[in-house]
Amino acid sequence: MISRKITSNEAGQRFDKYLKKLLKDAPDSFLYKMLRKKNIVLNGKRSDGREVLCIDDEVKFFLSDDTFEKFQGKTVDRFGRDDQYGQSYQKLKKLQIIYENEHILVVNKPAGILSQKATPDDVSINEWFIGYLLSQHVIKPDSLLTFKPSICNRLDRNTSGMVVCGKTLAGTQYLTRIIKEKTLEKYYYCLVSGTITIQERLTGYLYKNMAQNKVTIYQNKVEIPDFLVKDAVFIDTAFQSKYSANNITLLEIQLFTGKTHQIRAHLAALGCPIIGDTKYGNPTINKIYEKKGVKNQMLHAHKLIFPTTSDQTFSDTSGKILECPMPSIFEKILNS
């Protein structure tokens, strides 16, 4: 007999959903048969799988160890040098953690690192995050079967700055909600060529060409070709000049919508593309700054402002302002 206690990261979901995560290789027919025959019971009683799990509920499996392990399939390797999370953590061990509490973590992602892996062999912030939690014994490998901590926002590979991560189910749900509601204020720094004076909030429409992974910005809806209208999305961005020197301007951008390449494409559409941006930038200008050490687009997620909340679980982040210093290359280019 195998017994498992329901934790806070597993509570709140239907029992059958939990079983399908835990025994991911088991056919649905097998699971429901085991429930009917009381080979799988919840709190010592027969279950139909529709119950909503609560913290400290007990699930008992009257199955052989071999059967249980067989239907778990290839799960999570024990934390160590050879598993994907351990490897990612070791490779990115020096990442700067900006803020951490029981439920959330905010990390400074360097340019050139993926937020989430695109291929099985990639190293990403998401894998680093899980490896970090395993290394600190915040989670156990087996717990990843039913709840996997993850990042809650993504930055382009070549954009640096703050990525927010949910350590617990409650933290993940909270971050997902405030991002969706747009109450988590997000600010970016970028460098553009020329002396730019702007303090304006601009809206428009963005169309993404999926085949090219490139977007086009339209100032007004009437400008959008009829065959693209249904796929174009509204964007809202605020721009403010902060500092100019040596024919370069440091801009601060606030995102009110967070669409693919929104900042990069919006600035390019305004005639002031980001230095180092190979997709939307000016190749001639980029070559000048390549010689000065610029390898990526000069875009950095530098500030987050959390909404005020009466929820005691997240009282320590209520109205909290987090700031992340610019990479040294920004200062170097501004002062060159």
C-alpha atoms as a PDB file:
ATOM      1  CA  MET A   1       0.000   0.000   0.000  1.00  0.00           C
ATOM      2  CA  ILE A   2       1.228   3.484  -0.903  1.00  0.00           C
ATOM      3  CA  SER A   3      -0.060   6.543   0.958  1.00  0.00           C
ATOM      4  CA  ARG A   4       0.222  10.217  -0.007  1.00  0.00           C
ATOM      5  CA  LYS A   5      -0.875  13.354   1.827  1.00  0.00           C
ATOM      6  CA  ILE A   6      -2.300  16.269  -0.155  1.00  0.00           C
ATOM      7  CA  THR A   7      -0.249  19.451   0.175  1.00  0.00           C
ATOM      8  CA  SER A   8      -1.178  23.099  -0.379  1.00  0.00           C
ATOM      9  CA  ASN A   9       0.200  22.832  -3.931  1.00  0.00           C
ATOM     10  CA  GLU A  10      -2.163  19.959  -4.740  1.00  0.00           C
ATOM     11  CA  ALA A  11      -5.304  21.082  -2.916  1.00  0.00           C
ATOM     12  CA  GLY A  12      -8.165  22.704  -4.815  1.00  0.00           C
ATOM     13  CA  GLN A  13      -8.156  20.367  -7.819  1.00  0.00           C
ATOM     14  CA  ARG A  14     -10.421  17.453  -8.650  1.00  0.00           C
ATOM     15  CA  PHE A  15      -9.254  14.092  -7.415  1.00  0.00           C
ATOM     16  CA  ASP A  16      -9.264  12.498 -10.880  1.00  0.00           C
ATOM     17  CA  LYS A  17      -7.139  15.376 -12.276  1.00  0.00           C
ATOM     18  CA  TYR A  18      -4.635  14.773  -9.491  1.00  0.00           C
ATOM     19  CA  LEU A  19      -4.508  11.053 -10.273  1.00  0.00           C
ATOM     20  CA  LYS A  20      -3.955  11.693 -13.975  1.00  0.00           C
ATOM     21  CA  LYS A  21      -0.952  13.892 -13.150  1.00  0.00           C
ATOM     22  CA  LEU A  22       0.481  11.465 -10.626  1.00  0.00           C
ATOM     23  CA  LEU A  23      -0.044   8.335 -12.741  1.00  0.00           C
ATOM     24  CA  LYS A  24       0.345  10.031 -16.090  1.00  0.00           C
ATOM     25  CA  ASP A  25       0.860   6.802 -18.068  1.00  0.00           C
ATOM     26  CA  ALA A  26      -2.205   5.046 -16.665  1.00  0.00           C
ATOM     27  CA  PRO A  27      -5.274   4.823 -18.965  1.00  0.00           C
ATOM     28  CA  ASP A  28      -8.347   6.652 -17.681  1.00  0.00           C
ATOM     29  CA  SER A  29     -10.196   3.329 -17.719  1.00  0.00           C
ATOM     30  CA  PHE A  30      -7.632   1.859 -15.301  1.00  0.00           C
ATOM     31  CA  LEU A  31      -7.886   4.773 -12.867  1.00  0.00           C
ATOM     32  CA  TYR A  32     -11.689   4.743 -12.735  1.00  0.00           C
ATOM     33  CA  LYS A  33     -11.673   0.949 -12.368  1.00  0.00           C
ATOM     34  CA  MET A  34      -9.294   1.231  -9.408  1.00  0.00           C
ATOM     35  CA  LEU A  35     -11.574   3.853  -7.854  1.00  0.00           C
ATOM     36  CA  ARG A  36     -14.632   1.632  -8.272  1.00  0.00           C
ATOM     37  CA  LYS A  37     -12.839  -1.380  -6.790  1.00  0.00           C
ATOM     38  CA  LYS A  38     -11.481   0.728  -3.882  1.00  0.00           C
ATOM     39  CA  ASN A  39      -7.904   0.055  -4.910  1.00  0.00           C
ATOM     40  CA  ILE A  40      -7.512   3.828  -4.808  1.00  0.00           C
ATOM     41  CA  VAL A  41      -9.323   5.520  -1.918  1.00  0.00           C
ATOM     42  CA  LEU A  42      -9.615   9.058  -0.584  1.00  0.00           C
ATOM     43  CA  ASN A  43      -9.620   9.434   3.203  1.00  0.00           C
ATOM     44  CA  GLY A  44     -10.368   5.722   3.533  1.00  0.00           C
ATOM     45  CA  LYS A  45     -13.544   5.887   1.445  1.00  0.00           C
ATOM     46  CA  ARG A  46     -14.639   4.959  -2.061  1.00  0.00           C
ATOM     47  CA  SER A  47     -14.384   7.875  -4.477  1.00  0.00           C
ATOM     48  CA  ASP A  48     -15.698   8.630  -7.948  1.00  0.00           C
ATOM     49  CA  GLY A  49     -12.890  11.097  -8.709  1.00  0.00           C
ATOM     50  CA  ARG A  50     -15.030  14.228  -8.723  1.00  0.00           C
ATOM     51  CA  GLU A  51     -14.149  15.283  -5.181  1.00  0.00           C
ATOM     52  CA  VAL A  52     -12.147  18.489  -4.692  1.00  0.00           C
ATOM     53  CA  LEU A  53      -8.978  17.808  -2.736  1.00  0.00           C
ATOM     54  CA  CYS A  54      -8.202  19.587   0.537  1.00  0.00           C
ATOM     55  CA  ILE A  55      -4.923  20.012   2.423  1.00  0.00           C
ATOM     56  CA  ASP A  56      -4.043  16.894   4.465  1.00  0.00           C
ATOM     57  CA  ASP A  57      -6.473  14.631   2.591  1.00  0.00           C
ATOM     58  CA  GLU A  58      -4.988  11.133   2.439  1.00  0.00           C
ATOM     59  CA  VAL A  59      -4.865   9.079  -0.731  1.00  0.00           C
ATOM     60  CA  LYS A  60      -4.122   5.369  -0.482  1.00  0.00           C
ATOM     61  CA  PHE A  61      -3.099   3.185  -3.410  1.00  0.00           C
ATOM     62  CA  PHE A  62      -3.565  -0.555  -2.977  1.00  0.00           C
ATOM     63  CA  LEU A  63      -1.258  -1.224  -5.901  1.00  0.00           C
ATOM     64  CA  SER A  64       2.085  -2.960  -6.175  1.00  0.00           C
ATOM     65  CA  ASP A  65       5.172  -0.762  -6.201  1.00  0.00           C
ATOM     66  CA  ASP A  66       5.943  -1.984  -9.722  1.00  0.00           C
ATOM     67  CA  THR A  67       2.472  -0.992 -10.994  1.00  0.00           C
ATOM     68  CA  PHE A  68       2.677   2.421  -9.313  1.00  0.00           C
ATOM     69  CA  GLU A  69       6.118   3.153 -10.760  1.00  0.00           C
ATOM     70  CA  LYS A  70       5.134   1.825 -14.183  1.00  0.00           C
ATOM     71  CA  PHE A  71       2.240   4.270 -14.501  1.00  0.00           C
ATOM     72  CA  GLN A  72       4.298   7.165 -13.179  1.00  0.00           C
ATOM     73  CA  GLY A  73       6.443   6.682 -16.266  1.00  0.00           C
ATOM     74  CA  LYS A  74       9.746   8.490 -16.584  1.00  0.00           C
ATOM     75  CA  THR A  75       9.295  11.195 -14.004  1.00  0.00           C
ATOM     76  CA  VAL A  76      11.858  13.426 -12.391  1.00  0.00           C
ATOM     77  CA  ASP A  77      15.435  12.312 -11.947  1.00  0.00           C
ATOM     78  CA  ARG A  78      16.798  12.665  -8.460  1.00  0.00           C
ATOM     79  CA  PHE A  79      18.423  16.058  -8.079  1.00  0.00           C
ATOM     80  CA  GLY A  80      22.055  15.877  -9.109  1.00  0.00           C
ATOM     81  CA  ARG A  81      24.500  16.653 -11.828  1.00  0.00           C
ATOM     82  CA  ASP A  82      22.827  14.488 -14.434  1.00  0.00           C
ATOM     83  CA  ASP A  83      19.241  15.774 -14.348  1.00  0.00           C
ATOM     84  CA  GLN A  84      18.001  18.712 -16.418  1.00  0.00           C
ATOM     85  CA  TYR A  85      17.149  20.871 -13.403  1.00  0.00           C
ATOM     86  CA  GLY A  86      20.421  20.227 -11.627  1.00  0.00           C
ATOM     87  CA  GLN A  87      22.397  20.945 -14.776  1.00  0.00           C
ATOM     88  CA  SER A  88      20.531  24.192 -15.443  1.00  0.00           C
ATOM     89  CA  TYR A  89      20.975  25.304 -11.840  1.00  0.00           C
ATOM     90  CA  GLN A  90      24.704  24.614 -11.940  1.00  0.00           C
ATOM     91  CA  LYS A  91      25.161  26.451 -15.247  1.00  0.00           C
ATOM     92  CA  LEU A  92      23.180  29.484 -14.074  1.00  0.00           C
ATOM     93  CA  LYS A  93      24.113  29.293 -10.393  1.00  0.00           C
ATOM     94  CA  LYS A  94      25.275  32.913 -10.231  1.00  0.00           C
ATOM     95  CA  LEU A  95      21.953  34.427 -11.275  1.00  0.00           C
ATOM     96  CA  GLN A  96      20.900  37.367  -9.125  1.00  0.00           C
ATOM     97  CA  ILE A  97      17.729  36.841  -7.083  1.00  0.00           C
ATOM     98  CA  ILE A  98      16.038  40.230  -6.712  1.00  0.00           C
ATOM     99  CA  TYR A  99      13.345  39.139  -4.257  1.00  0.00           C
ATOM    100  CA  GLU A 100      12.063  35.953  -2.660  1.00  0.00           C
ATOM    101  CA  ASN A 101       9.424  34.960  -0.129  1.00  0.00           C
ATOM    102  CA  GLU A 102       7.469  31.796   0.621  1.00  0.00           C
ATOM    103  CA  HIS A 103       5.348  32.016  -2.520  1.00  0.00           C
ATOM    104  CA  ILE A 104       7.218  33.950  -5.217  1.00  0.00           C
ATOM    105  CA  LEU A 105      10.712  34.635  -6.514  1.00  0.00           C
ATOM    106  CA  VAL A 106      11.976  37.370  -8.845  1.00  0.00           C
ATOM    107  CA  VAL A 107      15.223  36.749 -10.731  1.00  0.00           C
ATOM    108  CA  ASN A 108      17.393  38.914 -12.954  1.00  0.00           C
ATOM    109  CA  LYS A 109      17.610  37.140 -16.332  1.00  0.00           C
ATOM    110  CA  PRO A 110      20.742  37.961 -18.335  1.00  0.00           C
ATOM    111  CA  ALA A 111      20.462  38.662 -22.052  1.00  0.00           C
ATOM    112  CA  GLY A 112      21.125  35.543 -24.108  1.00  0.00           C
ATOM    113  CA  ILE A 113      19.305  33.171 -21.739  1.00  0.00           C
ATOM    114  CA  LEU A 114      15.890  31.705 -22.593  1.00  0.00           C
ATOM    115  CA  SER A 115      12.964  32.220 -20.228  1.00  0.00           C
ATOM    116  CA  GLN A 116      11.626  28.779 -21.156  1.00  0.00           C
ATOM    117  CA  LYS A 117      13.410  26.137 -23.173  1.00  0.00           C
ATOM    118  CA  ALA A 118      12.533  25.707 -26.837  1.00  0.00           C
ATOM    119  CA  THR A 119      14.244  22.315 -27.281  1.00  0.00           C
ATOM    120  CA  PRO A 120      14.918  19.515 -24.770  1.00  0.00           C
ATOM    121  CA  ASP A 121      18.619  20.427 -24.532  1.00  0.00           C
ATOM    122  CA  ASP A 122      18.103  24.141 -23.826  1.00  0.00           C
ATOM    123  CA  VAL A 123      19.080  25.763 -20.548  1.00  0.00           C
ATOM    124  CA  SER A 124      16.459  28.223 -19.349  1.00  0.00           C
ATOM    125  CA  ILE A 125      15.346  30.294 -16.379  1.00  0.00           C
ATOM    126  CA  ASN A 126      12.434  27.906 -15.840  1.00  0.00           C
ATOM    127  CA  GLU A 127      14.751  24.889 -15.402  1.00  0.00           C
ATOM    128  CA  TRP A 128      17.162  26.940 -13.274  1.00  0.00           C
ATOM    129  CA  PHE A 129      14.247  27.931 -11.023  1.00  0.00           C
ATOM    130  CA  ILE A 130      13.165  24.338 -10.381  1.00  0.00           C
ATOM    131  CA  GLY A 131      16.800  23.312  -9.866  1.00  0.00           C
ATOM    132  CA  TYR A 132      17.237  26.134  -7.364  1.00  0.00           C
ATOM    133  CA  LEU A 133      14.151  25.060  -5.365  1.00  0.00           C
ATOM    134  CA  LEU A 134      15.379  21.465  -5.348  1.00  0.00           C
ATOM    135  CA  SER A 135      18.850  22.521  -4.217  1.00  0.00           C
ATOM    136  CA  GLN A 136      17.354  24.533  -1.340  1.00  0.00           C
ATOM    137  CA  HIS A 137      15.072  21.608  -0.380  1.00  0.00           C
ATOM    138  CA  VAL A 138      12.023  23.839  -0.871  1.00  0.00           C
ATOM    139  CA  ILE A 139      10.492  21.085  -3.013  1.00  0.00           C
ATOM    140  CA  LYS A 140      11.169  17.381  -3.481  1.00  0.00           C
ATOM    141  CA  PRO A 141      11.553  15.667  -6.861  1.00  0.00           C
ATOM    142  CA  ASP A 142       8.397  13.595  -6.349  1.00  0.00           C
ATOM    143  CA  SER A 143       6.277  16.724  -5.760  1.00  0.00           C
ATOM    144  CA  LEU A 144       6.926  17.777  -9.364  1.00  0.00           C
ATOM    145  CA  LEU A 145       4.569  15.021 -10.465  1.00  0.00           C
ATOM    146  CA  THR A 146       1.510  16.951  -9.295  1.00  0.00           C
ATOM    147  CA  PHE A 147       2.712  20.580  -9.204  1.00  0.00           C
ATOM    148  CA  LYS A 148       5.608  22.094 -11.116  1.00  0.00           C
ATOM    149  CA  PRO A 149       6.776  25.596 -10.081  1.00  0.00           C
ATOM    150  CA  SER A 150       7.325  27.846 -13.070  1.00  0.00           C
ATOM    151  CA  ILE A 151       8.010  31.329 -14.350  1.00  0.00           C
ATOM    152  CA  CYS A 152       4.912  33.490 -14.834  1.00  0.00           C
ATOM    153  CA  ASN A 153       6.178  35.992 -17.401  1.00  0.00           C
ATOM    154  CA  ARG A 154       8.604  35.683 -20.280  1.00  0.00           C
ATOM    155  CA  LEU A 155      11.269  37.934 -21.720  1.00  0.00           C
ATOM    156  CA  ASP A 156      12.796  37.548 -25.168  1.00  0.00           C
ATOM    157  CA  ARG A 157      16.073  35.602 -25.159  1.00  0.00           C
ATOM    158  CA  ASN A 158      18.087  38.771 -25.778  1.00  0.00           C
ATOM    159  CA  THR A 159      16.186  40.984 -23.314  1.00  0.00           C
ATOM    160  CA  SER A 160      17.518  41.155 -19.769  1.00  0.00           C
ATOM    161  CA  GLY A 161      15.760  41.872 -16.496  1.00  0.00           C
ATOM    162  CA  MET A 162      13.192  40.658 -14.018  1.00  0.00           C
ATOM    163  CA  VAL A 163      11.270  37.414 -14.426  1.00  0.00           C
ATOM    164  CA  VAL A 164       8.642  36.522 -11.797  1.00  0.00           C
ATOM    165  CA  CYS A 165       8.300  32.906 -10.677  1.00  0.00           C
ATOM    166  CA  GLY A 166       5.651  31.064  -8.668  1.00  0.00           C
ATOM    167  CA  LYS A 167       7.151  28.826  -5.973  1.00  0.00           C
ATOM    168  CA  THR A 168       3.766  27.557  -4.776  1.00  0.00           C
ATOM    169  CA  LEU A 169       0.352  27.045  -6.342  1.00  0.00           C
ATOM    170  CA  ALA A 170      -0.921  30.096  -4.451  1.00  0.00           C
ATOM    171  CA  GLY A 171       2.023  32.178  -5.650  1.00  0.00           C
ATOM    172  CA  THR A 172       1.580  31.045  -9.244  1.00  0.00           C
ATOM    173  CA  GLN A 173      -2.135  31.821  -9.189  1.00  0.00           C
ATOM    174  CA  TYR A 174      -1.498  35.251  -7.655  1.00  0.00           C
ATOM    175  CA  LEU A 175       1.158  36.225 -10.181  1.00  0.00           C
ATOM    176  CA  THR A 176      -0.901  34.916 -13.092  1.00  0.00           C
ATOM    177  CA  ARG A 177      -3.899  36.934 -11.910  1.00  0.00           C
ATOM    178  CA  ILE A 178      -2.126  40.276 -11.427  1.00  0.00           C
ATOM    179  CA  ILE A 179      -0.387  39.902 -14.792  1.00  0.00           C
ATOM    180  CA  LYS A 180      -3.697  39.117 -16.506  1.00  0.00           C
ATOM    181  CA  GLU A 181      -5.452  41.997 -14.719  1.00  0.00           C
ATOM    182  CA  LYS A 182      -2.504  44.288 -15.634  1.00  0.00           C
ATOM    183  CA  THR A 183      -2.140  45.427 -12.009  1.00  0.00           C
ATOM    184  CA  LEU A 184       1.517  44.381 -11.904  1.00  0.00           C
ATOM    185  CA  GLU A 185       3.229  47.479 -13.332  1.00  0.00           C
ATOM    186  CA  LYS A 186       6.161  46.646 -15.611  1.00  0.00           C
ATOM    187  CA  TYR A 187       8.863  49.128 -16.633  1.00  0.00           C
ATOM    188  CA  TYR A 188      11.758  48.728 -19.055  1.00  0.00           C
ATOM    189  CA  TYR A 189      14.894  50.675 -19.956  1.00  0.00           C
ATOM    190  CA  CYS A 190      16.237  50.763 -23.498  1.00  0.00           C
ATOM    191  CA  LEU A 191      18.863  52.609 -25.504  1.00  0.00           C
ATOM    192  CA  VAL A 192      18.052  54.208 -28.850  1.00  0.00           C
ATOM    193  CA  SER A 193      20.256  56.127 -31.248  1.00  0.00           C
ATOM    194  CA  GLY A 194      19.826  59.897 -31.370  1.00  0.00           C
ATOM    195  CA  THR A 195      18.610  62.542 -28.955  1.00  0.00           C
ATOM    196  CA  ILE A 196      14.938  61.732 -28.390  1.00  0.00           C
ATOM    197  CA  THR A 197      12.508  63.803 -26.337  1.00  0.00           C
ATOM    198  CA  ILE A 198       9.271  61.999 -25.638  1.00  0.00           C
ATOM    199  CA  GLN A 199       6.819  61.610 -22.771  1.00  0.00           C
ATOM    200  CA  GLU A 200       3.740  60.031 -24.251  1.00  0.00           C
ATOM    201  CA  ARG A 201       1.395  57.061 -23.948  1.00  0.00           C
ATOM    202  CA  LEU A 202       0.688  55.592 -27.364  1.00  0.00           C
ATOM    203  CA  THR A 203      -1.711  52.924 -28.528  1.00  0.00           C
ATOM    204  CA  GLY A 204      -1.897  50.929 -31.724  1.00  0.00           C
ATOM    205  CA  TYR A 205      -2.438  47.459 -33.151  1.00  0.00           C
ATOM    206  CA  LEU A 206       0.007  44.621 -33.532  1.00  0.00           C
ATOM    207  CA  TYR A 207      -0.122  41.837 -36.083  1.00  0.00           C
ATOM    208  CA  LYS A 208       2.177  38.837 -35.691  1.00  0.00           C
ATOM    209  CA  ASN A 209       3.376  36.890 -38.702  1.00  0.00           C
ATOM    210  CA  MET A 210       3.709  33.436 -37.151  1.00  0.00           C
ATOM    211  CA  ALA A 211       5.851  32.057 -39.983  1.00  0.00           C
ATOM    212  CA  GLN A 212       8.433  34.834 -39.644  1.00  0.00           C
ATOM    213  CA  ASN A 213       8.014  35.375 -35.882  1.00  0.00           C
ATOM    214  CA  LYS A 214       7.889  39.081 -36.622  1.00  0.00           C
ATOM    215  CA  VAL A 215       5.252  41.690 -35.871  1.00  0.00           C
ATOM    216  CA  THR A 216       3.944  44.765 -37.636  1.00  0.00           C
ATOM    217  CA  ILE A 217       2.578  47.822 -35.834  1.00  0.00           C
ATOM    218  CA  TYR A 218      -0.402  49.822 -37.116  1.00  0.00           C
ATOM    219  CA  GLN A 219      -1.202  53.188 -35.559  1.00  0.00           C
ATOM    220  CA  ASN A 220      -4.927  52.932 -36.232  1.00  0.00           C
ATOM    221  CA  LYS A 221      -7.290  50.070 -36.929  1.00  0.00           C
ATOM    222  CA  VAL A 222      -8.266  51.559 -40.299  1.00  0.00           C
ATOM    223  CA  GLU A 223      -4.657  51.066 -41.486  1.00  0.00           C
ATOM    224  CA  ILE A 224      -4.820  47.305 -41.028  1.00  0.00           C
ATOM    225  CA  PRO A 225      -5.482  45.293 -44.227  1.00  0.00           C
ATOM    226  CA  ASP A 226      -8.921  43.660 -44.087  1.00  0.00           C
ATOM    227  CA  PHE A 227      -7.520  40.132 -44.165  1.00  0.00           C
ATOM    228  CA  LEU A 228      -5.365  40.836 -41.072  1.00  0.00           C
ATOM    229  CA  VAL A 229      -7.878  42.711 -38.895  1.00  0.00           C
ATOM    230  CA  LYS A 230      -9.184  39.696 -36.997  1.00  0.00           C
ATOM    231  CA  ASP A 231      -5.652  38.695 -35.956  1.00  0.00           C
ATOM    232  CA  ALA A 232      -4.423  42.162 -34.955  1.00  0.00           C
ATOM    233  CA  VAL A 233      -4.340  42.930 -31.215  1.00  0.00           C
ATOM    234  CA  PHE A 234      -4.512  46.215 -29.324  1.00  0.00           C
ATOM    235  CA  ILE A 235      -1.293  47.502 -27.734  1.00  0.00           C
ATOM    236  CA  ASP A 236      -0.709  50.258 -25.181  1.00  0.00           C
ATOM    237  CA  THR A 237       2.761  51.592 -24.359  1.00  0.00           C
ATOM    238  CA  ALA A 238       4.114  54.635 -22.489  1.00  0.00           C
ATOM    239  CA  PHE A 239       7.487  56.166 -23.437  1.00  0.00           C
ATOM    240  CA  GLN A 240       9.568  58.629 -21.428  1.00  0.00           C
ATOM    241  CA  SER A 241      13.020  60.061 -22.174  1.00  0.00           C
ATOM    242  CA  LYS A 242      15.258  59.750 -19.101  1.00  0.00           C
ATOM    243  CA  TYR A 243      18.740  60.776 -20.235  1.00  0.00           C
ATOM    244  CA  SER A 244      20.639  61.657 -23.408  1.00  0.00           C
ATOM    245  CA  ALA A 245      24.384  61.655 -24.038  1.00  0.00           C
ATOM    246  CA  ASN A 246      26.725  61.030 -26.948  1.00  0.00           C
ATOM    247  CA  ASN A 247      23.807  60.896 -29.414  1.00  0.00           C
ATOM    248  CA  ILE A 248      22.122  58.119 -27.409  1.00  0.00           C
ATOM    249  CA  THR A 249      18.907  58.306 -25.393  1.00  0.00           C
ATOM    250  CA  LEU A 250      17.889  56.172 -22.439  1.00  0.00           C
ATOM    251  CA  LEU A 251      14.134  55.616 -22.562  1.00  0.00           C
ATOM    252  CA  GLU A 252      11.869  54.212 -19.875  1.00  0.00           C
ATOM    253  CA  ILE A 253       8.910  52.237 -21.189  1.00  0.00           C
ATOM    254  CA  GLN A 254       5.838  51.136 -19.272  1.00  0.00           C
ATOM    255  CA  LEU A 255       3.880  48.239 -20.714  1.00  0.00           C
ATOM    256  CA  PHE A 256       0.120  48.295 -20.308  1.00  0.00           C
ATOM    257  CA  THR A 257      -0.257  45.352 -22.675  1.00  0.00           C
ATOM    258  CA  GLY A 258       2.388  42.689 -23.076  1.00  0.00           C
ATOM    259  CA  LYS A 259       2.379  41.378 -26.632  1.00  0.00           C
ATOM    260  CA  THR A 260       5.109  39.707 -28.666  1.00  0.00           C
ATOM    261  CA  HIS A 261       7.999  42.130 -29.422  1.00  0.00           C
ATOM    262  CA  GLN A 262       5.703  45.021 -28.443  1.00  0.00           C
ATOM    263  CA  ILE A 263       8.371  47.455 -27.231  1.00  0.00           C
ATOM    264  CA  ARG A 264      10.867  46.634 -29.962  1.00  0.00           C
ATOM    265  CA  ALA A 265       8.377  46.892 -32.821  1.00  0.00           C
ATOM    266  CA  HIS A 266       6.577  49.924 -31.409  1.00  0.00           C
ATOM    267  CA  LEU A 267       9.829  51.883 -31.132  1.00  0.00           C
ATOM    268  CA  ALA A 268      10.867  50.828 -34.635  1.00  0.00           C
ATOM    269  CA  ALA A 269       7.499  52.042 -35.944  1.00  0.00           C
ATOM    270  CA  LEU A 270       8.146  55.394 -34.241  1.00  0.00           C
ATOM    271  CA  GLY A 271      11.473  55.688 -36.085  1.00  0.00           C
ATOM    272  CA  CYS A 272      13.745  55.042 -33.097  1.00  0.00           C
ATOM    273  CA  PRO A 273      14.586  51.328 -32.982  1.00  0.00           C
ATOM    274  CA  ILE A 274      16.527  49.866 -30.084  1.00  0.00           C
ATOM    275  CA  ILE A 275      20.306  49.670 -30.453  1.00  0.00           C
ATOM    276  CA  GLY A 276      21.389  46.094 -31.069  1.00  0.00           C
ATOM    277  CA  ASP A 277      17.975  44.851 -32.212  1.00  0.00           C
ATOM    278  CA  THR A 278      18.720  42.646 -35.212  1.00  0.00           C
ATOM    279  CA  LYS A 279      15.066  42.040 -36.084  1.00  0.00           C
ATOM    280  CA  TYR A 280      13.607  45.558 -35.923  1.00  0.00           C
ATOM    281  CA  GLY A 281      16.716  47.713 -35.649  1.00  0.00           C
ATOM    282  CA  ASN A 282      18.930  49.692 -38.018  1.00  0.00           C
ATOM    283  CA  PRO A 283      21.766  47.457 -39.343  1.00  0.00           C
ATOM    284  CA  THR A 284      24.100  50.400 -39.923  1.00  0.00           C
ATOM    285  CA  ILE A 285      23.691  51.705 -36.375  1.00  0.00           C
ATOM    286  CA  ASN A 286      23.932  48.195 -34.940  1.00  0.00           C
ATOM    287  CA  LYS A 287      27.315  47.638 -36.636  1.00  0.00           C
ATOM    288  CA  ILE A 288      28.676  50.777 -34.972  1.00  0.00           C
ATOM    289  CA  TYR A 289      27.736  49.530 -31.517  1.00  0.00           C
ATOM    290  CA  GLU A 290      28.797  45.945 -32.176  1.00  0.00           C
ATOM    291  CA  LYS A 291      32.353  47.293 -32.230  1.00  0.00           C
ATOM    292  CA  LYS A 292      31.699  48.750 -28.761  1.00  0.00           C
ATOM    293  CA  GLY A 293      30.592  45.425 -27.323  1.00  0.00           C
ATOM    294  CA  VAL A 294      26.846  45.352 -27.960  1.00  0.00           C
ATOM    295  CA  LYS A 295      25.748  41.758 -28.605  1.00  0.00           C
ATOM    296  CA  ASN A 296      22.024  41.987 -27.881  1.00  0.00           C
ATOM    297  CA  GLN A 297      19.191  44.489 -28.081  1.00  0.00           C
ATOM    298  CA  MET A 298      19.624  47.114 -25.367  1.00  0.00           C
ATOM    299  CA  LEU A 299      16.351  46.354 -23.562  1.00  0.00           C
ATOM    300  CA  HIS A 300      16.102  45.633 -19.836  1.00  0.00           C
ATOM    301  CA  ALA A 301      13.093  44.953 -17.567  1.00  0.00           C
ATOM    302  CA  HIS A 302      14.198  47.142 -14.682  1.00  0.00           C
ATOM    303  CA  LYS A 303      11.206  47.783 -12.388  1.00  0.00           C
ATOM    304  CA  LEU A 304       8.077  46.065 -11.065  1.00  0.00           C
ATOM    305  CA  ILE A 305       5.401  47.641  -8.887  1.00  0.00           C
ATOM    306  CA  PHE A 306       3.067  45.186  -7.182  1.00  0.00           C
ATOM    307  CA  PRO A 307      -0.571  46.143  -6.556  1.00  0.00           C
ATOM    308  CA  THR A 308      -1.826  46.880  -3.064  1.00  0.00           C
ATOM    309  CA  THR A 309      -3.804  43.986  -1.643  1.00  0.00           C
ATOM    310  CA  SER A 310      -5.763  43.090   1.488  1.00  0.00           C
ATOM    311  CA  ASP A 311      -4.830  39.421   1.037  1.00  0.00           C
ATOM    312  CA  GLN A 312      -2.665  38.607   4.053  1.00  0.00           C
ATOM    313  CA  THR A 313      -0.911  35.838   2.133  1.00  0.00           C
ATOM    314  CA  PHE A 314       0.698  38.489  -0.068  1.00  0.00           C
ATOM    315  CA  SER A 315       0.835  41.404   2.369  1.00  0.00           C
ATOM    316  CA  ASP A 316       4.633  41.635   2.108  1.00  0.00           C
ATOM    317  CA  THR A 317       4.412  42.400  -1.616  1.00  0.00           C
ATOM    318  CA  SER A 318       1.494  44.837  -1.316  1.00  0.00           C
ATOM    319  CA  GLY A 319       2.568  48.003  -3.136  1.00  0.00           C
ATOM    320  CA  LYS A 320       6.159  46.749  -3.235  1.00  0.00           C
ATOM    321  CA  ILE A 321       8.581  48.270  -5.737  1.00  0.00           C
ATOM    322  CA  LEU A 322      11.377  46.085  -7.066  1.00  0.00           C
ATOM    323  CA  GLU A 323      14.224  47.467  -9.146  1.00  0.00           C
ATOM    324  CA  CYS A 324      16.929  45.671 -11.054  1.00  0.00           C
ATOM    325  CA  PRO A 325      20.156  47.465 -12.092  1.00  0.00           C
ATOM    326  CA  MET A 326      20.961  47.840 -15.762  1.00  0.00           C
ATOM    327  CA  PRO A 327      23.652  45.573 -17.203  1.00  0.00           C
ATOM    328  CA  SER A 328      27.083  47.215 -17.285  1.00  0.00           C
ATOM    329  CA  ILE A 329      26.981  47.430 -21.103  1.00  0.00           C
ATOM    330  CA  PHE A 330      24.248  50.089 -20.820  1.00  0.00           C
ATOM    331  CA  GLU A 331      26.525  52.379 -18.782  1.00  0.00           C
ATOM    332  CA  LYS A 332      29.450  51.645 -21.075  1.00  0.00           C
ATOM    333  CA  ILE A 333      27.509  52.617 -24.217  1.00  0.00           C
ATOM    334  CA  LEU A 334      25.953  55.700 -22.605  1.00  0.00           C
ATOM    335  CA  ASN A 335      29.387  56.945 -21.536  1.00  0.00           C
ATOM    336  CA  SER A 336      31.327  55.961 -24.674  1.00  0.00           C
END
